[in-house]
Amino acid sequence: QQEFKGILFALCFFHACIVERKKFGAQGWNRPYPFNPGDLTTCVDVLANNLEDRAKIPWEDLRYVFGEIMYGGHITDDWDRELCKAYLSYLVSHEVLEGADLCV
């Protein structure tokens, strides 16, 4: 439960960052991408399914699914894909849970 909340927060923050970058045109993303709330909703479902009945969090799997399939499915530019992966490598990691005091 605590892990889910921490990763969910990181995922929401990631979504906010990439959607906000769209406002800056070519300085934000090299091409316009149709990111939408449905991407976040689907990732939350994937997150819940991946954490269900697992003793260990599959960090690499989560980053791959979020970065290469869910959000990465929209991305066609290599530099934009690298940026997306960089965000995820920083935000979706065990460090996001260290020291987190997430209330009920």
C-alpha atoms as a PDB file:
ATOM      1  CA  GLN A   1       0.000   0.000   0.000  1.00  0.00           C
ATOM      2  CA  GLN A   2       2.752   2.454   0.948  1.00  0.00           C
ATOM      3  CA  GLU A   3       4.789   1.497  -2.116  1.00  0.00           C
ATOM      4  CA  PHE A   4       1.776   1.992  -4.366  1.00  0.00           C
ATOM      5  CA  LYS A   5       1.173   5.484  -2.983  1.00  0.00           C
ATOM      6  CA  GLY A   6       4.792   6.519  -3.423  1.00  0.00           C
ATOM      7  CA  ILE A   7       5.055   5.262  -6.980  1.00  0.00           C
ATOM      8  CA  LEU A   8       1.644   6.713  -7.801  1.00  0.00           C
ATOM      9  CA  PHE A   9       2.828  10.139  -6.650  1.00  0.00           C
ATOM     10  CA  ALA A  10       5.960   9.829  -8.792  1.00  0.00           C
ATOM     11  CA  LEU A  11       3.874   8.722 -11.767  1.00  0.00           C
ATOM     12  CA  CYS A  12       1.500  11.678 -11.389  1.00  0.00           C
ATOM     13  CA  PHE A  13       4.460  14.044 -11.126  1.00  0.00           C
ATOM     14  CA  PHE A  14       5.982  12.485 -14.259  1.00  0.00           C
ATOM     15  CA  HIS A  15       2.701  12.909 -16.137  1.00  0.00           C
ATOM     16  CA  ALA A  16       2.447  16.547 -15.059  1.00  0.00           C
ATOM     17  CA  CYS A  17       6.008  17.226 -16.226  1.00  0.00           C
ATOM     18  CA  ILE A  18       5.589  15.774 -19.683  1.00  0.00           C
ATOM     19  CA  VAL A  19       2.192  17.374 -20.256  1.00  0.00           C
ATOM     20  CA  GLU A  20       3.548  20.740 -19.114  1.00  0.00           C
ATOM     21  CA  ARG A  21       6.437  20.481 -21.593  1.00  0.00           C
ATOM     22  CA  LYS A  22       3.876  20.525 -24.426  1.00  0.00           C
ATOM     23  CA  LYS A  23       3.177  24.187 -23.652  1.00  0.00           C
ATOM     24  CA  PHE A  24       6.687  25.160 -24.752  1.00  0.00           C
ATOM     25  CA  GLY A  25       6.344  23.868 -28.301  1.00  0.00           C
ATOM     26  CA  ALA A  26       9.594  22.797 -29.940  1.00  0.00           C
ATOM     27  CA  GLN A  27      11.552  23.751 -26.815  1.00  0.00           C
ATOM     28  CA  GLY A  28       9.510  21.285 -24.760  1.00  0.00           C
ATOM     29  CA  TRP A  29       9.255  18.368 -27.189  1.00  0.00           C
ATOM     30  CA  ASN A  30      10.743  18.122 -30.677  1.00  0.00           C
ATOM     31  CA  ARG A  31       7.317  17.082 -31.982  1.00  0.00           C
ATOM     32  CA  PRO A  32       3.804  17.510 -30.610  1.00  0.00           C
ATOM     33  CA  TYR A  33       2.558  14.359 -28.844  1.00  0.00           C
ATOM     34  CA  PRO A  34      -1.002  13.531 -27.830  1.00  0.00           C
ATOM     35  CA  PHE A  35      -0.372  12.808 -24.132  1.00  0.00           C
ATOM     36  CA  ASN A  36      -3.642  12.758 -22.208  1.00  0.00           C
ATOM     37  CA  PRO A  37      -5.143  11.736 -18.839  1.00  0.00           C
ATOM     38  CA  GLY A  38      -5.905   8.300 -20.284  1.00  0.00           C
ATOM     39  CA  ASP A  39      -2.170   7.577 -20.382  1.00  0.00           C
ATOM     40  CA  LEU A  40      -1.923   8.224 -16.653  1.00  0.00           C
ATOM     41  CA  THR A  41      -5.048   6.194 -15.883  1.00  0.00           C
ATOM     42  CA  THR A  42      -3.748   3.209 -17.818  1.00  0.00           C
ATOM     43  CA  CYS A  43      -0.350   3.449 -16.115  1.00  0.00           C
ATOM     44  CA  VAL A  44      -2.032   3.448 -12.701  1.00  0.00           C
ATOM     45  CA  ASP A  45      -3.839   0.227 -13.646  1.00  0.00           C
ATOM     46  CA  VAL A  46      -0.560  -1.286 -14.852  1.00  0.00           C
ATOM     47  CA  LEU A  47       1.127  -0.216 -11.619  1.00  0.00           C
ATOM     48  CA  ALA A  48      -1.580  -1.825  -9.485  1.00  0.00           C
ATOM     49  CA  ASN A  49      -1.374  -5.057 -11.468  1.00  0.00           C
ATOM     50  CA  ASN A  50       2.421  -5.188 -11.239  1.00  0.00           C
ATOM     51  CA  LEU A  51       2.484  -4.640  -7.481  1.00  0.00           C
ATOM     52  CA  GLU A  52      -0.249  -7.131  -6.730  1.00  0.00           C
ATOM     53  CA  ASP A  53       1.038 -10.208  -4.895  1.00  0.00           C
ATOM     54  CA  ARG A  54       4.719  -9.387  -5.464  1.00  0.00           C
ATOM     55  CA  ALA A  55       7.304  -9.346  -2.742  1.00  0.00           C
ATOM     56  CA  LYS A  56       9.693  -7.167  -4.744  1.00  0.00           C
ATOM     57  CA  ILE A  57       8.862  -4.095  -6.836  1.00  0.00           C
ATOM     58  CA  PRO A  58       9.732  -4.648 -10.535  1.00  0.00           C
ATOM     59  CA  TRP A  59      11.346  -1.249 -11.101  1.00  0.00           C
ATOM     60  CA  GLU A  60      12.858  -2.047 -14.499  1.00  0.00           C
ATOM     61  CA  ASP A  61       9.576  -3.517 -15.748  1.00  0.00           C
ATOM     62  CA  LEU A  62       7.616  -0.469 -14.606  1.00  0.00           C
ATOM     63  CA  ARG A  63      10.025   1.968 -16.254  1.00  0.00           C
ATOM     64  CA  TYR A  64       9.939  -0.031 -19.478  1.00  0.00           C
ATOM     65  CA  VAL A  65       6.160  -0.267 -19.625  1.00  0.00           C
ATOM     66  CA  PHE A  66       5.652   3.402 -18.763  1.00  0.00           C
ATOM     67  CA  GLY A  67       8.487   4.798 -20.869  1.00  0.00           C
ATOM     68  CA  GLU A  68       8.535   2.555 -23.916  1.00  0.00           C
ATOM     69  CA  ILE A  69       4.944   1.385 -24.230  1.00  0.00           C
ATOM     70  CA  MET A  70       2.436   3.660 -22.506  1.00  0.00           C
ATOM     71  CA  TYR A  71       3.990   7.106 -22.974  1.00  0.00           C
ATOM     72  CA  GLY A  72       6.727   5.989 -25.342  1.00  0.00           C
ATOM     73  CA  GLY A  73       4.130   4.709 -27.780  1.00  0.00           C
ATOM     74  CA  HIS A  74       3.357   8.336 -28.622  1.00  0.00           C
ATOM     75  CA  ILE A  75       6.992   9.406 -28.934  1.00  0.00           C
ATOM     76  CA  THR A  76       8.644   9.204 -32.337  1.00  0.00           C
ATOM     77  CA  ASP A  77      11.770  11.323 -31.814  1.00  0.00           C
ATOM     78  CA  ASP A  78      14.853   9.615 -30.339  1.00  0.00           C
ATOM     79  CA  TRP A  79      15.864  12.618 -28.206  1.00  0.00           C
ATOM     80  CA  ASP A  80      12.343  12.916 -26.823  1.00  0.00           C
ATOM     81  CA  ARG A  81      12.391   9.214 -25.959  1.00  0.00           C
ATOM     82  CA  GLU A  82      15.696   9.678 -24.110  1.00  0.00           C
ATOM     83  CA  LEU A  83      14.225  12.561 -22.161  1.00  0.00           C
ATOM     84  CA  CYS A  84      11.200  10.472 -21.195  1.00  0.00           C
ATOM     85  CA  LYS A  85      13.477   7.655 -20.031  1.00  0.00           C
ATOM     86  CA  ALA A  86      15.593  10.115 -18.028  1.00  0.00           C
ATOM     87  CA  TYR A  87      12.528  11.405 -16.188  1.00  0.00           C
ATOM     88  CA  LEU A  88      11.411   7.867 -15.409  1.00  0.00           C
ATOM     89  CA  SER A  89      14.833   6.675 -14.284  1.00  0.00           C
ATOM     90  CA  TYR A  90      14.892   9.489 -11.739  1.00  0.00           C
ATOM     91  CA  LEU A  91      11.260   9.374 -10.608  1.00  0.00           C
ATOM     92  CA  VAL A  92      10.374   5.669 -10.762  1.00  0.00           C
ATOM     93  CA  SER A  93      13.055   4.195  -8.526  1.00  0.00           C
ATOM     94  CA  HIS A  94      13.452   2.896  -5.004  1.00  0.00           C
ATOM     95  CA  GLU A  95      14.756   6.302  -3.894  1.00  0.00           C
ATOM     96  CA  VAL A  96      11.251   7.722  -4.254  1.00  0.00           C
ATOM     97  CA  LEU A  97      10.175   5.511  -1.360  1.00  0.00           C
ATOM     98  CA  GLU A  98      13.109   6.212   0.937  1.00  0.00           C
ATOM     99  CA  GLY A  99      12.137   8.537   3.721  1.00  0.00           C
ATOM    100  CA  ALA A 100       8.590   8.845   2.396  1.00  0.00           C
ATOM    101  CA  ASP A 101       6.031   9.229   5.141  1.00  0.00           C
ATOM    102  CA  LEU A 102       2.824   8.724   3.223  1.00  0.00           C
ATOM    103  CA  CYS A 103      -0.210   8.880   5.446  1.00  0.00           C
ATOM    104  CA  VAL A 104      -3.188   6.535   5.155  1.00  0.00           C
END
